[in-house]
Amino acid sequence: MSKFTGAGFVVVLLAGAAGSQTQDAPQMPKPEKEHAWLGQLVGEWESNVEMFMGPDQPTITSKGTESVRALGGFWIVAENKGTYMDAPFTGLLTLGYDAQKKRYVGTWVDSMSGYLWKYDGAVDKAGKVLTLETEGPCPAAPGEMSRFKEVLDIKSKDHKVFTSSIQGPDGTWTTMMTINYRRTK
């Protein structure tokens, strides 16, 4: 008959508890095909931005960069940098797929506003266009909220186009911004 020392008994007890926890632990979720769709966005990108300020206003153009990384196979995190009206600009996008809702979800924050944008959307049947919907501050009417539609169109593995549109009071959509992204890495 063997005897355990105090420290030896604790080690055996902890090892047994760890083993039973591993067997009883629920399976960790695995990324699904919808999560894999996000992988094509990972990389380094140059951006050419066009902002449409109104029918009688000139188009504002600028250049920037986007650095996109994967987060656990479930999310991407994209950091956008550039200038807006001669001021430095940084924006952060999170984008993932909510398997329970069967919808793509995400957020946007940037260095020029205190608003947290929340996205909800879907990819078209061809797997090329992600359309996200959100609500946010109306640029033409401070204090009011508007509906926005953000569309990411995958043109090729090295070219994507982002378009942001706002819905007017009459229900029509007006494009406010288009960004052409070209992969650098």
N, C-alpha and C. Protein backbone atom coordinates (compact mmCIF):
# COMPACT_ATOMS: atom_id res chain seq x y z
N MET A 1 0.84 -1.16 0.00
CA MET A 1 0.00 0.00 0.00
C MET A 1 0.89 1.23 0.00
N SER A 2 0.66 2.12 -0.98
CA SER A 2 1.51 3.30 -1.07
C SER A 2 0.86 4.47 -0.37
N LYS A 3 1.69 5.35 0.06
CA LYS A 3 1.20 6.55 0.73
C LYS A 3 1.56 7.76 -0.12
N PHE A 4 0.62 8.71 -0.27
CA PHE A 4 0.90 9.96 -0.96
C PHE A 4 1.38 10.98 0.06
N THR A 5 2.37 11.74 -0.32
CA THR A 5 2.75 12.86 0.53
C THR A 5 1.73 13.95 0.32
N GLY A 6 1.67 14.93 1.13
CA GLY A 6 0.72 16.04 1.01
C GLY A 6 0.81 16.71 -0.34
N ALA A 7 2.01 17.06 -0.80
CA ALA A 7 2.19 17.74 -2.08
C ALA A 7 1.86 16.80 -3.23
N GLY A 8 2.22 15.54 -3.13
CA GLY A 8 1.93 14.57 -4.19
C GLY A 8 0.44 14.37 -4.36
N PHE A 9 -0.29 14.32 -3.24
CA PHE A 9 -1.74 14.16 -3.29
C PHE A 9 -2.40 15.34 -3.99
N VAL A 10 -1.94 16.55 -3.71
CA VAL A 10 -2.50 17.74 -4.34
C VAL A 10 -2.27 17.71 -5.85
N VAL A 11 -1.07 17.28 -6.27
CA VAL A 11 -0.76 17.20 -7.70
C VAL A 11 -1.68 16.20 -8.38
N VAL A 12 -1.86 15.02 -7.77
CA VAL A 12 -2.73 13.99 -8.35
C VAL A 12 -4.17 14.50 -8.39
N LEU A 13 -4.63 15.14 -7.34
CA LEU A 13 -5.99 15.67 -7.27
C LEU A 13 -6.22 16.73 -8.35
N LEU A 14 -5.28 17.66 -8.52
CA LEU A 14 -5.41 18.71 -9.54
C LEU A 14 -5.37 18.13 -10.95
N ALA A 15 -4.51 17.16 -11.18
CA ALA A 15 -4.42 16.52 -12.50
C ALA A 15 -5.73 15.81 -12.82
N GLY A 16 -6.30 15.14 -11.86
CA GLY A 16 -7.59 14.47 -12.07
C GLY A 16 -8.70 15.46 -12.34
N ALA A 17 -8.72 16.56 -11.61
CA ALA A 17 -9.74 17.59 -11.81
C ALA A 17 -9.59 18.23 -13.18
N ALA A 18 -8.37 18.49 -13.60
CA ALA A 18 -8.15 19.09 -14.92
C ALA A 18 -8.59 18.14 -16.01
N GLY A 19 -8.32 16.85 -15.84
CA GLY A 19 -8.74 15.86 -16.84
C GLY A 19 -10.24 15.77 -16.94
N SER A 20 -10.95 15.79 -15.81
CA SER A 20 -12.42 15.71 -15.86
C SER A 20 -13.02 16.99 -16.42
N GLN A 21 -12.41 18.14 -16.19
CA GLN A 21 -12.91 19.39 -16.76
C GLN A 21 -12.78 19.39 -18.27
N THR A 22 -11.67 18.84 -18.76
CA THR A 22 -11.44 18.78 -20.20
C THR A 22 -12.49 17.91 -20.85
N GLN A 23 -12.81 16.76 -20.24
CA GLN A 23 -13.79 15.85 -20.81
C GLN A 23 -15.20 16.45 -20.78
N ASP A 24 -15.53 17.21 -19.74
CA ASP A 24 -16.86 17.77 -19.58
C ASP A 24 -17.03 19.13 -20.26
N ALA A 25 -15.94 19.73 -20.67
CA ALA A 25 -16.01 21.08 -21.26
C ALA A 25 -16.74 21.03 -22.60
N PRO A 26 -17.57 22.03 -22.87
CA PRO A 26 -18.25 22.07 -24.17
C PRO A 26 -17.23 22.32 -25.29
N GLN A 27 -17.56 21.87 -26.49
CA GLN A 27 -16.69 22.08 -27.64
C GLN A 27 -16.62 23.57 -27.96
N MET A 28 -15.42 24.01 -28.24
CA MET A 28 -15.24 25.40 -28.66
C MET A 28 -15.77 25.53 -30.08
N PRO A 29 -16.44 26.65 -30.41
CA PRO A 29 -16.94 26.80 -31.78
C PRO A 29 -15.79 26.89 -32.77
N LYS A 30 -16.07 26.48 -33.98
CA LYS A 30 -15.08 26.55 -35.05
C LYS A 30 -15.58 27.54 -36.10
N PRO A 31 -14.68 28.26 -36.75
CA PRO A 31 -15.11 29.17 -37.81
C PRO A 31 -15.88 28.41 -38.90
N GLU A 32 -16.87 29.07 -39.46
CA GLU A 32 -17.69 28.49 -40.52
C GLU A 32 -17.31 29.10 -41.86
N LYS A 33 -17.92 28.62 -42.93
CA LYS A 33 -17.57 29.11 -44.27
C LYS A 33 -17.79 30.62 -44.38
N GLU A 34 -18.78 31.15 -43.68
CA GLU A 34 -19.03 32.59 -43.70
C GLU A 34 -17.88 33.37 -43.05
N HIS A 35 -17.28 32.77 -42.03
CA HIS A 35 -16.10 33.39 -41.42
C HIS A 35 -14.93 33.37 -42.40
N ALA A 36 -14.80 32.27 -43.14
CA ALA A 36 -13.71 32.15 -44.11
C ALA A 36 -13.80 33.23 -45.19
N TRP A 37 -15.01 33.67 -45.51
CA TRP A 37 -15.21 34.73 -46.52
C TRP A 37 -14.42 35.98 -46.12
N LEU A 38 -14.34 36.24 -44.83
CA LEU A 38 -13.64 37.43 -44.33
C LEU A 38 -12.14 37.37 -44.60
N GLY A 39 -11.58 36.17 -44.74
CA GLY A 39 -10.15 36.00 -44.93
C GLY A 39 -9.61 36.71 -46.16
N GLN A 40 -10.43 36.87 -47.19
CA GLN A 40 -9.96 37.54 -48.40
C GLN A 40 -9.71 39.04 -48.18
N LEU A 41 -10.18 39.57 -47.07
CA LEU A 41 -9.99 40.98 -46.77
C LEU A 41 -8.66 41.24 -46.06
N VAL A 42 -8.05 40.19 -45.51
CA VAL A 42 -6.81 40.33 -44.74
C VAL A 42 -5.68 40.75 -45.66
N GLY A 43 -4.91 41.74 -45.21
CA GLY A 43 -3.75 42.20 -45.97
C GLY A 43 -3.55 43.69 -45.82
N GLU A 44 -2.68 44.21 -46.66
CA GLU A 44 -2.36 45.64 -46.67
C GLU A 44 -2.94 46.23 -47.96
N TRP A 45 -3.59 47.37 -47.84
CA TRP A 45 -4.29 47.97 -48.97
C TRP A 45 -3.99 49.47 -49.06
N GLU A 46 -3.96 49.98 -50.29
CA GLU A 46 -3.94 51.44 -50.53
C GLU A 46 -5.36 51.83 -50.89
N SER A 47 -5.76 53.02 -50.47
CA SER A 47 -7.13 53.44 -50.76
C SER A 47 -7.15 54.79 -51.48
N ASN A 48 -8.07 54.90 -52.42
CA ASN A 48 -8.37 56.15 -53.12
C ASN A 48 -9.82 56.48 -52.80
N VAL A 49 -10.01 57.60 -52.10
CA VAL A 49 -11.31 57.98 -51.57
C VAL A 49 -11.91 59.12 -52.39
N GLU A 50 -13.20 58.99 -52.69
CA GLU A 50 -13.97 60.07 -53.30
C GLU A 50 -15.18 60.34 -52.42
N MET A 51 -15.33 61.58 -51.95
CA MET A 51 -16.47 61.97 -51.13
C MET A 51 -17.31 62.96 -51.91
N PHE A 52 -18.61 62.68 -51.98
CA PHE A 52 -19.54 63.50 -52.74
C PHE A 52 -20.33 64.35 -51.75
N MET A 53 -20.07 65.64 -51.76
CA MET A 53 -20.63 66.54 -50.75
C MET A 53 -22.00 67.11 -51.14
N GLY A 54 -22.37 66.98 -52.39
CA GLY A 54 -23.66 67.49 -52.84
C GLY A 54 -23.62 67.77 -54.32
N PRO A 55 -24.79 67.99 -54.94
CA PRO A 55 -24.84 68.17 -56.40
C PRO A 55 -24.06 69.39 -56.89
N ASP A 56 -23.98 70.43 -56.11
CA ASP A 56 -23.29 71.65 -56.54
C ASP A 56 -21.91 71.79 -55.91
N GLN A 57 -21.44 70.74 -55.27
CA GLN A 57 -20.17 70.77 -54.56
C GLN A 57 -19.13 69.92 -55.31
N PRO A 58 -17.87 70.32 -55.25
CA PRO A 58 -16.83 69.49 -55.88
C PRO A 58 -16.61 68.20 -55.08
N THR A 59 -16.20 67.15 -55.76
CA THR A 59 -15.85 65.89 -55.12
C THR A 59 -14.54 66.07 -54.37
N ILE A 60 -14.49 65.59 -53.14
CA ILE A 60 -13.27 65.64 -52.34
C ILE A 60 -12.56 64.30 -52.49
N THR A 61 -11.27 64.34 -52.81
CA THR A 61 -10.51 63.10 -52.96
C THR A 61 -9.38 63.06 -51.95
N SER A 62 -9.01 61.86 -51.57
CA SER A 62 -7.86 61.68 -50.69
C SER A 62 -7.34 60.26 -50.86
N LYS A 63 -6.16 60.02 -50.30
CA LYS A 63 -5.53 58.70 -50.34
C LYS A 63 -5.31 58.24 -48.91
N GLY A 64 -5.21 56.93 -48.76
CA GLY A 64 -4.97 56.38 -47.44
C GLY A 64 -4.49 54.95 -47.51
N THR A 65 -4.49 54.30 -46.37
CA THR A 65 -4.10 52.90 -46.27
C THR A 65 -5.09 52.16 -45.39
N GLU A 66 -5.12 50.85 -45.57
CA GLU A 66 -5.91 49.99 -44.70
C GLU A 66 -5.07 48.76 -44.39
N SER A 67 -4.98 48.43 -43.12
CA SER A 67 -4.27 47.24 -42.67
C SER A 67 -5.30 46.33 -42.00
N VAL A 68 -5.50 45.12 -42.56
CA VAL A 68 -6.53 44.21 -42.08
C VAL A 68 -5.89 42.94 -41.55
N ARG A 69 -6.27 42.56 -40.35
CA ARG A 69 -5.75 41.32 -39.77
C ARG A 69 -6.91 40.46 -39.29
N ALA A 70 -6.67 39.14 -39.24
CA ALA A 70 -7.66 38.20 -38.76
C ALA A 70 -7.58 38.12 -37.24
N LEU A 71 -8.71 37.84 -36.62
CA LEU A 71 -8.77 37.69 -35.18
C LEU A 71 -9.47 36.35 -34.89
N GLY A 72 -8.65 35.31 -34.66
CA GLY A 72 -9.17 34.01 -34.28
C GLY A 72 -9.98 33.27 -35.33
N GLY A 73 -9.94 33.70 -36.57
CA GLY A 73 -10.71 33.04 -37.61
C GLY A 73 -12.18 33.44 -37.62
N PHE A 74 -12.60 34.25 -36.65
CA PHE A 74 -13.99 34.67 -36.56
C PHE A 74 -14.21 36.12 -36.98
N TRP A 75 -13.19 36.94 -36.85
CA TRP A 75 -13.31 38.38 -37.06
C TRP A 75 -12.16 38.88 -37.92
N ILE A 76 -12.37 40.05 -38.50
CA ILE A 76 -11.25 40.83 -39.04
C ILE A 76 -11.30 42.17 -38.33
N VAL A 77 -10.11 42.75 -38.17
CA VAL A 77 -9.97 44.10 -37.63
C VAL A 77 -9.20 44.89 -38.67
N ALA A 78 -9.80 45.99 -39.13
CA ALA A 78 -9.19 46.81 -40.18
C ALA A 78 -8.91 48.20 -39.64
N GLU A 79 -7.67 48.65 -39.79
CA GLU A 79 -7.30 50.00 -39.39
C GLU A 79 -7.08 50.83 -40.65
N ASN A 80 -7.88 51.88 -40.78
CA ASN A 80 -7.79 52.79 -41.93
C ASN A 80 -7.11 54.07 -41.49
N LYS A 81 -6.17 54.55 -42.31
CA LYS A 81 -5.48 55.81 -42.01
C LYS A 81 -5.46 56.66 -43.27
N GLY A 82 -5.56 57.96 -43.06
CA GLY A 82 -5.52 58.89 -44.17
C GLY A 82 -5.69 60.30 -43.66
N THR A 83 -6.19 61.16 -44.54
CA THR A 83 -6.50 62.54 -44.16
C THR A 83 -7.91 62.86 -44.63
N TYR A 84 -8.56 63.72 -43.91
CA TYR A 84 -9.87 64.22 -44.28
C TYR A 84 -9.85 65.73 -44.09
N MET A 85 -9.99 66.45 -45.18
CA MET A 85 -9.93 67.91 -45.15
C MET A 85 -8.66 68.39 -44.45
N ASP A 86 -7.53 67.82 -44.84
CA ASP A 86 -6.19 68.15 -44.35
C ASP A 86 -5.93 67.78 -42.89
N ALA A 87 -6.82 67.00 -42.27
CA ALA A 87 -6.60 66.54 -40.89
C ALA A 87 -6.34 65.04 -40.90
N PRO A 88 -5.43 64.56 -40.04
CA PRO A 88 -5.17 63.12 -39.97
C PRO A 88 -6.43 62.38 -39.53
N PHE A 89 -6.62 61.19 -40.06
CA PHE A 89 -7.81 60.40 -39.80
C PHE A 89 -7.43 58.96 -39.56
N THR A 90 -8.03 58.33 -38.54
CA THR A 90 -7.89 56.90 -38.27
C THR A 90 -9.27 56.33 -37.99
N GLY A 91 -9.57 55.19 -38.61
CA GLY A 91 -10.83 54.50 -38.37
C GLY A 91 -10.57 53.03 -38.14
N LEU A 92 -11.36 52.41 -37.26
CA LEU A 92 -11.23 50.98 -36.96
C LEU A 92 -12.55 50.27 -37.25
N LEU A 93 -12.46 49.23 -38.07
CA LEU A 93 -13.61 48.41 -38.42
C LEU A 93 -13.41 47.02 -37.82
N THR A 94 -14.45 46.50 -37.16
CA THR A 94 -14.49 45.09 -36.80
C THR A 94 -15.58 44.47 -37.65
N LEU A 95 -15.35 43.26 -38.12
CA LEU A 95 -16.35 42.60 -38.94
C LEU A 95 -16.25 41.10 -38.71
N GLY A 96 -17.40 40.48 -38.46
CA GLY A 96 -17.46 39.05 -38.24
C GLY A 96 -18.79 38.50 -38.71
N TYR A 97 -19.01 37.22 -38.42
CA TYR A 97 -20.26 36.57 -38.79
C TYR A 97 -20.88 35.99 -37.53
N ASP A 98 -22.13 36.36 -37.26
CA ASP A 98 -22.86 35.86 -36.11
C ASP A 98 -23.64 34.62 -36.57
N ALA A 99 -23.16 33.43 -36.20
CA ALA A 99 -23.75 32.18 -36.66
C ALA A 99 -25.18 32.00 -36.14
N GLN A 100 -25.50 32.56 -34.98
CA GLN A 100 -26.86 32.43 -34.46
C GLN A 100 -27.85 33.30 -35.25
N LYS A 101 -27.43 34.51 -35.57
CA LYS A 101 -28.30 35.42 -36.34
C LYS A 101 -28.25 35.11 -37.84
N LYS A 102 -27.20 34.39 -38.26
CA LYS A 102 -26.95 34.13 -39.69
C LYS A 102 -26.77 35.45 -40.44
N ARG A 103 -26.02 36.36 -39.84
CA ARG A 103 -25.79 37.70 -40.40
C ARG A 103 -24.36 38.13 -40.10
N TYR A 104 -23.81 38.93 -41.00
CA TYR A 104 -22.52 39.58 -40.74
C TYR A 104 -22.79 40.77 -39.83
N VAL A 105 -21.90 40.97 -38.87
CA VAL A 105 -22.05 42.05 -37.90
C VAL A 105 -20.71 42.76 -37.75
N GLY A 106 -20.76 44.01 -37.32
CA GLY A 106 -19.51 44.74 -37.13
C GLY A 106 -19.72 46.08 -36.49
N THR A 107 -18.60 46.77 -36.31
CA THR A 107 -18.62 48.11 -35.73
C THR A 107 -17.62 48.99 -36.46
N TRP A 108 -17.80 50.29 -36.32
CA TRP A 108 -16.86 51.28 -36.87
C TRP A 108 -16.74 52.41 -35.85
N VAL A 109 -15.50 52.80 -35.57
CA VAL A 109 -15.21 54.00 -34.78
C VAL A 109 -14.10 54.74 -35.49
N ASP A 110 -14.05 56.06 -35.32
CA ASP A 110 -12.97 56.81 -35.96
C ASP A 110 -12.58 58.01 -35.12
N SER A 111 -11.50 58.64 -35.55
CA SER A 111 -10.90 59.73 -34.79
C SER A 111 -11.61 61.07 -34.96
N MET A 112 -12.69 61.10 -35.76
CA MET A 112 -13.38 62.37 -36.01
C MET A 112 -14.81 62.39 -35.48
N SER A 113 -15.22 61.34 -34.77
CA SER A 113 -16.57 61.36 -34.21
C SER A 113 -16.63 60.51 -32.96
N GLY A 114 -17.62 60.75 -32.13
CA GLY A 114 -17.80 59.97 -30.91
C GLY A 114 -18.88 58.93 -31.05
N TYR A 115 -19.29 58.62 -32.28
CA TYR A 115 -20.39 57.69 -32.50
C TYR A 115 -19.87 56.29 -32.80
N LEU A 116 -20.48 55.27 -32.18
CA LEU A 116 -20.17 53.86 -32.44
C LEU A 116 -21.18 53.34 -33.46
N TRP A 117 -20.69 53.10 -34.68
CA TRP A 117 -21.54 52.56 -35.74
C TRP A 117 -21.64 51.05 -35.56
N LYS A 118 -22.86 50.49 -35.70
CA LYS A 118 -23.08 49.05 -35.57
C LYS A 118 -23.68 48.55 -36.88
N TYR A 119 -23.03 47.54 -37.45
CA TYR A 119 -23.43 47.01 -38.75
C TYR A 119 -24.13 45.67 -38.65
N ASP A 120 -25.02 45.43 -39.61
CA ASP A 120 -25.71 44.17 -39.76
C ASP A 120 -25.94 43.96 -41.25
N GLY A 121 -25.57 42.77 -41.77
CA GLY A 121 -25.76 42.59 -43.21
C GLY A 121 -25.55 41.17 -43.69
N ALA A 122 -25.46 41.05 -45.02
CA ALA A 122 -25.36 39.75 -45.67
C ALA A 122 -24.52 39.85 -46.94
N VAL A 123 -23.99 38.70 -47.35
CA VAL A 123 -23.26 38.58 -48.62
C VAL A 123 -24.24 38.05 -49.67
N ASP A 124 -24.14 38.57 -50.88
CA ASP A 124 -25.01 38.11 -51.96
C ASP A 124 -24.72 36.66 -52.32
N LYS A 125 -25.62 36.05 -53.10
CA LYS A 125 -25.49 34.63 -53.45
C LYS A 125 -24.22 34.32 -54.22
N ALA A 126 -23.71 35.29 -54.99
CA ALA A 126 -22.48 35.08 -55.76
C ALA A 126 -21.24 35.14 -54.87
N GLY A 127 -21.39 35.63 -53.63
CA GLY A 127 -20.26 35.70 -52.70
C GLY A 127 -19.30 36.85 -52.98
N LYS A 128 -19.77 37.86 -53.69
CA LYS A 128 -18.89 38.98 -54.07
C LYS A 128 -19.23 40.30 -53.39
N VAL A 129 -20.47 40.47 -52.94
CA VAL A 129 -20.92 41.76 -52.42
C VAL A 129 -21.48 41.60 -51.01
N LEU A 130 -20.88 42.31 -50.06
CA LEU A 130 -21.37 42.37 -48.68
C LEU A 130 -22.10 43.69 -48.51
N THR A 131 -23.37 43.63 -48.13
CA THR A 131 -24.15 44.85 -47.88
C THR A 131 -24.44 44.93 -46.39
N LEU A 132 -24.02 46.02 -45.78
CA LEU A 132 -24.22 46.26 -44.35
C LEU A 132 -25.16 47.44 -44.17
N GLU A 133 -26.04 47.34 -43.21
CA GLU A 133 -26.95 48.43 -42.89
C GLU A 133 -26.64 48.95 -41.50
N THR A 134 -26.88 50.24 -41.31
CA THR A 134 -26.63 50.86 -40.01
C THR A 134 -27.45 52.13 -39.90
N GLU A 135 -27.44 52.70 -38.73
CA GLU A 135 -28.07 54.00 -38.48
C GLU A 135 -27.04 54.87 -37.80
N GLY A 136 -27.03 56.16 -38.16
CA GLY A 136 -26.06 57.05 -37.56
C GLY A 136 -26.43 58.50 -37.74
N PRO A 137 -25.61 59.39 -37.21
CA PRO A 137 -25.89 60.82 -37.29
C PRO A 137 -25.97 61.30 -38.74
N CYS A 138 -26.99 62.09 -39.02
CA CYS A 138 -27.17 62.65 -40.36
C CYS A 138 -26.20 63.82 -40.55
N PRO A 139 -25.33 63.77 -41.57
CA PRO A 139 -24.37 64.86 -41.75
C PRO A 139 -25.03 66.18 -42.16
N ALA A 140 -26.22 66.12 -42.74
CA ALA A 140 -26.89 67.33 -43.20
C ALA A 140 -27.82 67.92 -42.16
N ALA A 141 -28.15 67.17 -41.11
CA ALA A 141 -29.09 67.63 -40.09
C ALA A 141 -28.58 67.23 -38.71
N PRO A 142 -27.70 68.05 -38.11
CA PRO A 142 -27.16 67.71 -36.78
C PRO A 142 -28.28 67.39 -35.78
N GLY A 143 -28.06 66.33 -35.01
CA GLY A 143 -29.04 65.92 -34.02
C GLY A 143 -30.04 64.90 -34.54
N GLU A 144 -30.09 64.69 -35.84
CA GLU A 144 -31.00 63.71 -36.42
C GLU A 144 -30.23 62.47 -36.85
N MET A 145 -30.96 61.35 -36.92
CA MET A 145 -30.36 60.09 -37.33
C MET A 145 -30.86 59.74 -38.74
N SER A 146 -30.01 59.02 -39.49
CA SER A 146 -30.35 58.56 -40.83
C SER A 146 -29.95 57.10 -40.99
N ARG A 147 -30.56 56.46 -41.98
CA ARG A 147 -30.16 55.10 -42.34
C ARG A 147 -29.05 55.17 -43.37
N PHE A 148 -28.09 54.24 -43.23
CA PHE A 148 -26.95 54.16 -44.15
C PHE A 148 -26.84 52.73 -44.68
N LYS A 149 -26.33 52.62 -45.88
CA LYS A 149 -26.05 51.33 -46.50
C LYS A 149 -24.58 51.37 -46.94
N GLU A 150 -23.80 50.40 -46.46
CA GLU A 150 -22.38 50.31 -46.78
C GLU A 150 -22.19 49.01 -47.58
N VAL A 151 -21.64 49.14 -48.77
CA VAL A 151 -21.49 47.99 -49.66
C VAL A 151 -20.01 47.77 -49.95
N LEU A 152 -19.56 46.52 -49.74
CA LEU A 152 -18.19 46.13 -50.06
C LEU A 152 -18.27 45.14 -51.22
N ASP A 153 -17.76 45.55 -52.38
CA ASP A 153 -17.82 44.76 -53.60
C ASP A 153 -16.43 44.22 -53.90
N ILE A 154 -16.28 42.88 -53.88
CA ILE A 154 -14.99 42.24 -54.15
C ILE A 154 -14.85 42.10 -55.67
N LYS A 155 -13.99 42.93 -56.25
CA LYS A 155 -13.79 42.92 -57.70
C LYS A 155 -12.80 41.82 -58.11
N SER A 156 -11.76 41.62 -57.29
CA SER A 156 -10.76 40.57 -57.50
C SER A 156 -10.03 40.38 -56.19
N LYS A 157 -9.06 39.46 -56.15
CA LYS A 157 -8.34 39.23 -54.88
C LYS A 157 -7.52 40.45 -54.48
N ASP A 158 -7.25 41.36 -55.43
CA ASP A 158 -6.43 42.53 -55.14
C ASP A 158 -7.16 43.87 -55.30
N HIS A 159 -8.48 43.82 -55.49
CA HIS A 159 -9.24 45.07 -55.69
C HIS A 159 -10.62 44.90 -55.06
N LYS A 160 -10.97 45.85 -54.20
CA LYS A 160 -12.31 45.89 -53.60
C LYS A 160 -12.79 47.33 -53.62
N VAL A 161 -14.10 47.50 -53.67
CA VAL A 161 -14.70 48.83 -53.72
C VAL A 161 -15.73 48.94 -52.60
N PHE A 162 -15.60 49.98 -51.79
CA PHE A 162 -16.51 50.28 -50.69
C PHE A 162 -17.35 51.49 -51.09
N THR A 163 -18.67 51.39 -50.91
CA THR A 163 -19.56 52.50 -51.20
C THR A 163 -20.46 52.75 -50.00
N SER A 164 -20.57 54.01 -49.59
CA SER A 164 -21.44 54.39 -48.48
C SER A 164 -22.55 55.28 -49.01
N SER A 165 -23.79 54.91 -48.70
CA SER A 165 -24.95 55.67 -49.15
C SER A 165 -25.84 56.01 -47.97
N ILE A 166 -26.55 57.14 -48.08
CA ILE A 166 -27.48 57.59 -47.05
C ILE A 166 -28.88 57.59 -47.65
N GLN A 167 -29.86 57.23 -46.81
CA GLN A 167 -31.25 57.23 -47.27
C GLN A 167 -31.89 58.57 -46.93
N GLY A 168 -32.46 59.20 -47.94
CA GLY A 168 -33.13 60.48 -47.74
C GLY A 168 -34.53 60.31 -47.19
N PRO A 169 -35.15 61.42 -46.80
CA PRO A 169 -36.51 61.37 -46.24
C PRO A 169 -37.53 60.74 -47.19
N ASP A 170 -37.27 60.84 -48.51
CA ASP A 170 -38.19 60.26 -49.49
C ASP A 170 -37.89 58.79 -49.77
N GLY A 171 -36.90 58.20 -49.09
CA GLY A 171 -36.57 56.79 -49.25
C GLY A 171 -35.50 56.50 -50.29
N THR A 172 -35.07 57.51 -51.04
CA THR A 172 -34.03 57.27 -52.05
C THR A 172 -32.66 57.24 -51.39
N TRP A 173 -31.75 56.49 -52.02
CA TRP A 173 -30.39 56.36 -51.53
C TRP A 173 -29.47 57.26 -52.34
N THR A 174 -28.58 57.99 -51.64
CA THR A 174 -27.60 58.86 -52.29
C THR A 174 -26.21 58.40 -51.87
N THR A 175 -25.35 58.15 -52.86
CA THR A 175 -23.98 57.76 -52.57
C THR A 175 -23.21 58.95 -52.03
N MET A 176 -22.57 58.74 -50.87
CA MET A 176 -21.78 59.80 -50.23
C MET A 176 -20.29 59.60 -50.42
N MET A 177 -19.88 58.33 -50.55
CA MET A 177 -18.44 58.04 -50.61
C MET A 177 -18.20 56.74 -51.36
N THR A 178 -17.11 56.73 -52.12
CA THR A 178 -16.63 55.52 -52.77
C THR A 178 -15.14 55.41 -52.49
N ILE A 179 -14.72 54.22 -52.09
CA ILE A 179 -13.29 53.97 -51.84
C ILE A 179 -12.85 52.78 -52.67
N ASN A 180 -11.85 52.98 -53.50
CA ASN A 180 -11.22 51.89 -54.24
C ASN A 180 -9.99 51.46 -53.47
N TYR A 181 -9.95 50.20 -53.12
CA TYR A 181 -8.81 49.61 -52.39
C TYR A 181 -8.04 48.71 -53.34
N ARG A 182 -6.71 48.86 -53.34
CA ARG A 182 -5.82 47.98 -54.10
C ARG A 182 -4.83 47.34 -53.13
N ARG A 183 -4.72 46.01 -53.22
CA ARG A 183 -3.83 45.27 -52.31
C ARG A 183 -2.37 45.62 -52.59
N THR A 184 -1.61 45.85 -51.53
CA THR A 184 -0.16 46.04 -51.65
C THR A 184 0.60 44.83 -51.11
N LYS A 185 -0.03 44.04 -50.25
CA LYS A 185 0.56 42.80 -49.69
C LYS A 185 -0.53 41.78 -49.47
